[in-house]
């Protein structure tokens, strides 16, 4: 299981914190057609949401792996971070990003987690993965 946290990755990869928006865009682009992403964007004061998402992801490790789902946590300093990609600007919450790099679902709170796997499992590529796992894994 890989969990991307931009603040930690910025340090690990020597990327300046003010470049995290570009870094996020590069991550999403480089894993296009390989991974699905659950992206959490919030501020550090929203401890409850951060812990709920982390706990959900850890408790469902196998289900996430089966669906090629990875977590990206973006902890912003202010309510607005001008360096985030356009579709994350001025918003906090949870996004599901598909293999194609497009937003499949969004919620401001943890409600997306309640039907996350149902949303993924009705996607056309996921249906193929279920029918012929040896081809996709």
C-alpha atoms as a PDB file:
ATOM      1  CA  UNK A   1       0.000   0.000   0.000  1.00  0.00           C
ATOM      2  CA  UNK A   2       1.327   3.392  -0.950  1.00  0.00           C
ATOM      3  CA  UNK A   3       0.065   6.490   0.773  1.00  0.00           C
ATOM      4  CA  UNK A   4       1.188   9.747  -0.734  1.00  0.00           C
ATOM      5  CA  UNK A   5       1.389  12.724   1.614  1.00  0.00           C
ATOM      6  CA  UNK A   6       2.549  15.790  -0.246  1.00  0.00           C
ATOM      7  CA  UNK A   7       4.211  17.529   2.645  1.00  0.00           C
ATOM      8  CA  UNK A   8       6.285  14.469   3.492  1.00  0.00           C
ATOM      9  CA  UNK A   9       6.965  13.647  -0.149  1.00  0.00           C
ATOM     10  CA  UNK A  10       8.106  17.194  -0.795  1.00  0.00           C
ATOM     11  CA  UNK A  11      10.813  16.739   1.813  1.00  0.00           C
ATOM     12  CA  UNK A  12      11.659  13.205   0.705  1.00  0.00           C
ATOM     13  CA  UNK A  13      12.014  14.177  -2.940  1.00  0.00           C
ATOM     14  CA  UNK A  14      13.622  17.564  -2.298  1.00  0.00           C
ATOM     15  CA  UNK A  15      10.664  19.434  -3.773  1.00  0.00           C
ATOM     16  CA  UNK A  16       9.920  22.861  -2.412  1.00  0.00           C
ATOM     17  CA  UNK A  17       6.566  23.017  -0.580  1.00  0.00           C
ATOM     18  CA  UNK A  18       5.414  25.787  -2.932  1.00  0.00           C
ATOM     19  CA  UNK A  19       5.687  23.303  -5.820  1.00  0.00           C
ATOM     20  CA  UNK A  20       3.241  20.767  -4.317  1.00  0.00           C
ATOM     21  CA  UNK A  21       0.488  21.621  -6.834  1.00  0.00           C
ATOM     22  CA  UNK A  22       2.793  20.793  -9.723  1.00  0.00           C
ATOM     23  CA  UNK A  23       3.972  17.681  -7.885  1.00  0.00           C
ATOM     24  CA  UNK A  24       0.380  16.492  -7.352  1.00  0.00           C
ATOM     25  CA  UNK A  25      -0.444  17.027 -11.002  1.00  0.00           C
ATOM     26  CA  UNK A  26       2.669  15.033 -11.955  1.00  0.00           C
ATOM     27  CA  UNK A  27       1.699  12.165  -9.636  1.00  0.00           C
ATOM     28  CA  UNK A  28      -1.801  11.978 -11.086  1.00  0.00           C
ATOM     29  CA  UNK A  29      -0.463  12.155 -14.627  1.00  0.00           C
ATOM     30  CA  UNK A  30       2.297   9.584 -14.128  1.00  0.00           C
ATOM     31  CA  UNK A  31      -0.110   7.021 -12.662  1.00  0.00           C
ATOM     32  CA  UNK A  32      -2.848   7.608 -15.228  1.00  0.00           C
ATOM     33  CA  UNK A  33      -4.294   4.251 -16.384  1.00  0.00           C
ATOM     34  CA  UNK A  34      -2.358   2.482 -13.586  1.00  0.00           C
ATOM     35  CA  UNK A  35      -3.937   3.677 -10.331  1.00  0.00           C
ATOM     36  CA  UNK A  36      -7.114   5.151  -8.959  1.00  0.00           C
ATOM     37  CA  UNK A  37      -6.701   7.789  -6.267  1.00  0.00           C
ATOM     38  CA  UNK A  38      -8.612   8.901  -3.242  1.00  0.00           C
ATOM     39  CA  UNK A  39      -7.464  12.496  -2.685  1.00  0.00           C
ATOM     40  CA  UNK A  40      -8.028  14.142   0.676  1.00  0.00           C
ATOM     41  CA  UNK A  41      -7.606  17.929   0.750  1.00  0.00           C
ATOM     42  CA  UNK A  42      -8.063  19.582   4.119  1.00  0.00           C
ATOM     43  CA  UNK A  43      -6.338  21.739   6.681  1.00  0.00           C
ATOM     44  CA  UNK A  44      -4.454  20.387   9.667  1.00  0.00           C
ATOM     45  CA  UNK A  45      -7.239  21.462  12.040  1.00  0.00           C
ATOM     46  CA  UNK A  46      -9.629  18.895  10.544  1.00  0.00           C
ATOM     47  CA  UNK A  47      -8.125  16.055  12.561  1.00  0.00           C
ATOM     48  CA  UNK A  48     -11.388  14.091  12.602  1.00  0.00           C
ATOM     49  CA  UNK A  49     -11.622  13.819   8.804  1.00  0.00           C
ATOM     50  CA  UNK A  50      -7.919  13.051   8.441  1.00  0.00           C
ATOM     51  CA  UNK A  51      -8.129  10.227  10.999  1.00  0.00           C
ATOM     52  CA  UNK A  52     -11.371   8.840   9.516  1.00  0.00           C
ATOM     53  CA  UNK A  53      -9.832   8.634   6.046  1.00  0.00           C
ATOM     54  CA  UNK A  54      -6.588   7.107   7.330  1.00  0.00           C
ATOM     55  CA  UNK A  55      -8.480   4.532   9.407  1.00  0.00           C
ATOM     56  CA  UNK A  56     -10.789   3.676   6.498  1.00  0.00           C
ATOM     57  CA  UNK A  57      -7.843   3.225   4.157  1.00  0.00           C
ATOM     58  CA  UNK A  58      -5.901   1.068   6.597  1.00  0.00           C
ATOM     59  CA  UNK A  59      -8.917  -1.088   7.497  1.00  0.00           C
ATOM     60  CA  UNK A  60      -9.656  -1.735   3.825  1.00  0.00           C
ATOM     61  CA  UNK A  61      -6.122  -2.399   2.627  1.00  0.00           C
ATOM     62  CA  UNK A  62      -7.045  -5.518   0.625  1.00  0.00           C
ATOM     63  CA  UNK A  63     -10.062  -3.910  -1.022  1.00  0.00           C
ATOM     64  CA  UNK A  64      -7.949  -0.898  -1.956  1.00  0.00           C
ATOM     65  CA  UNK A  65      -5.252  -3.112  -3.414  1.00  0.00           C
ATOM     66  CA  UNK A  66      -7.789  -5.069  -5.495  1.00  0.00           C
ATOM     67  CA  UNK A  67      -9.006  -1.800  -6.983  1.00  0.00           C
ATOM     68  CA  UNK A  68      -5.563  -0.228  -7.472  1.00  0.00           C
ATOM     69  CA  UNK A  69      -6.654   2.564  -5.126  1.00  0.00           C
ATOM     70  CA  UNK A  70      -4.078   4.815  -3.481  1.00  0.00           C
ATOM     71  CA  UNK A  71      -4.482   7.652  -0.997  1.00  0.00           C
ATOM     72  CA  UNK A  72      -3.093  11.146  -1.459  1.00  0.00           C
ATOM     73  CA  UNK A  73      -3.343  13.469   1.529  1.00  0.00           C
ATOM     74  CA  UNK A  74      -2.949  17.181   0.973  1.00  0.00           C
ATOM     75  CA  UNK A  75      -2.822  19.231   4.130  1.00  0.00           C
ATOM     76  CA  UNK A  76      -3.182  22.898   3.231  1.00  0.00           C
ATOM     77  CA  UNK A  77      -2.049  25.769   5.431  1.00  0.00           C
ATOM     78  CA  UNK A  78      -4.969  28.076   4.583  1.00  0.00           C
ATOM     79  CA  UNK A  79      -8.478  27.634   3.227  1.00  0.00           C
ATOM     80  CA  UNK A  80      -7.130  28.464  -0.225  1.00  0.00           C
ATOM     81  CA  UNK A  81      -3.937  27.158  -1.767  1.00  0.00           C
ATOM     82  CA  UNK A  82      -3.204  28.843  -5.112  1.00  0.00           C
ATOM     83  CA  UNK A  83      -0.730  26.102  -6.041  1.00  0.00           C
ATOM     84  CA  UNK A  84      -3.217  23.233  -6.128  1.00  0.00           C
ATOM     85  CA  UNK A  85      -4.506  22.021  -9.495  1.00  0.00           C
ATOM     86  CA  UNK A  86      -7.638  23.842 -10.625  1.00  0.00           C
ATOM     87  CA  UNK A  87     -10.134  21.133  -9.645  1.00  0.00           C
ATOM     88  CA  UNK A  88      -8.932  21.154  -6.009  1.00  0.00           C
ATOM     89  CA  UNK A  89      -8.842  24.946  -5.558  1.00  0.00           C
ATOM     90  CA  UNK A  90     -11.159  26.581  -3.051  1.00  0.00           C
ATOM     91  CA  UNK A  91     -12.430  23.200  -1.877  1.00  0.00           C
ATOM     92  CA  UNK A  92     -11.765  20.800   0.924  1.00  0.00           C
ATOM     93  CA  UNK A  93     -12.951  17.220   0.998  1.00  0.00           C
ATOM     94  CA  UNK A  94     -12.415  13.853  -0.640  1.00  0.00           C
ATOM     95  CA  UNK A  95     -12.151  13.147  -4.377  1.00  0.00           C
ATOM     96  CA  UNK A  96     -12.133   9.842  -6.219  1.00  0.00           C
ATOM     97  CA  UNK A  97      -9.930  10.057  -9.299  1.00  0.00           C
ATOM     98  CA  UNK A  98     -10.278   7.304 -11.897  1.00  0.00           C
ATOM     99  CA  UNK A  99      -7.677   5.626 -14.080  1.00  0.00           C
ATOM    100  CA  UNK A 100      -8.304   8.301 -16.716  1.00  0.00           C
ATOM    101  CA  UNK A 101      -7.322  11.052 -14.271  1.00  0.00           C
ATOM    102  CA  UNK A 102     -10.860  12.437 -14.110  1.00  0.00           C
ATOM    103  CA  UNK A 103     -12.934  13.097 -11.006  1.00  0.00           C
ATOM    104  CA  UNK A 104     -15.452  10.302 -10.464  1.00  0.00           C
ATOM    105  CA  UNK A 105     -16.894  11.435  -7.117  1.00  0.00           C
ATOM    106  CA  UNK A 106     -16.496  14.166  -4.495  1.00  0.00           C
ATOM    107  CA  UNK A 107     -17.726  14.845  -0.976  1.00  0.00           C
ATOM    108  CA  UNK A 108     -16.933  17.583   1.522  1.00  0.00           C
ATOM    109  CA  UNK A 109     -17.019  15.093   4.368  1.00  0.00           C
ATOM    110  CA  UNK A 110     -16.462  11.358   4.826  1.00  0.00           C
ATOM    111  CA  UNK A 111     -19.730  10.391   3.070  1.00  0.00           C
ATOM    112  CA  UNK A 112     -17.851   9.315  -0.076  1.00  0.00           C
ATOM    113  CA  UNK A 113     -16.264   6.532   1.963  1.00  0.00           C
ATOM    114  CA  UNK A 114     -19.676   4.927   2.560  1.00  0.00           C
ATOM    115  CA  UNK A 115     -20.171   3.970  -1.092  1.00  0.00           C
ATOM    116  CA  UNK A 116     -16.637   4.250  -2.456  1.00  0.00           C
ATOM    117  CA  UNK A 117     -16.317   0.615  -3.524  1.00  0.00           C
ATOM    118  CA  UNK A 118     -19.787   0.592  -5.104  1.00  0.00           C
ATOM    119  CA  UNK A 119     -18.815   3.613  -7.211  1.00  0.00           C
ATOM    120  CA  UNK A 120     -15.564   1.975  -8.299  1.00  0.00           C
ATOM    121  CA  UNK A 121     -17.140  -1.422  -8.944  1.00  0.00           C
ATOM    122  CA  UNK A 122     -19.618  -0.050 -11.488  1.00  0.00           C
ATOM    123  CA  UNK A 123     -16.868   1.589 -13.552  1.00  0.00           C
ATOM    124  CA  UNK A 124     -16.399  -0.123 -16.944  1.00  0.00           C
ATOM    125  CA  UNK A 125     -12.719  -0.970 -16.442  1.00  0.00           C
ATOM    126  CA  UNK A 126     -13.388  -2.305 -12.951  1.00  0.00           C
ATOM    127  CA  UNK A 127     -16.071  -4.612 -14.357  1.00  0.00           C
ATOM    128  CA  UNK A 128     -13.455  -5.981 -16.782  1.00  0.00           C
ATOM    129  CA  UNK A 129     -10.972  -6.404 -13.919  1.00  0.00           C
ATOM    130  CA  UNK A 130     -13.539  -8.460 -12.022  1.00  0.00           C
ATOM    131  CA  UNK A 131     -14.409 -10.618 -15.042  1.00  0.00           C
ATOM    132  CA  UNK A 132     -10.819 -11.317 -16.126  1.00  0.00           C
ATOM    133  CA  UNK A 133      -8.469 -10.663 -13.203  1.00  0.00           C
ATOM    134  CA  UNK A 134      -5.533 -12.491 -14.777  1.00  0.00           C
ATOM    135  CA  UNK A 135      -5.404  -9.930 -17.589  1.00  0.00           C
ATOM    136  CA  UNK A 136      -5.414  -6.919 -15.298  1.00  0.00           C
ATOM    137  CA  UNK A 137      -3.294  -8.062 -12.359  1.00  0.00           C
END
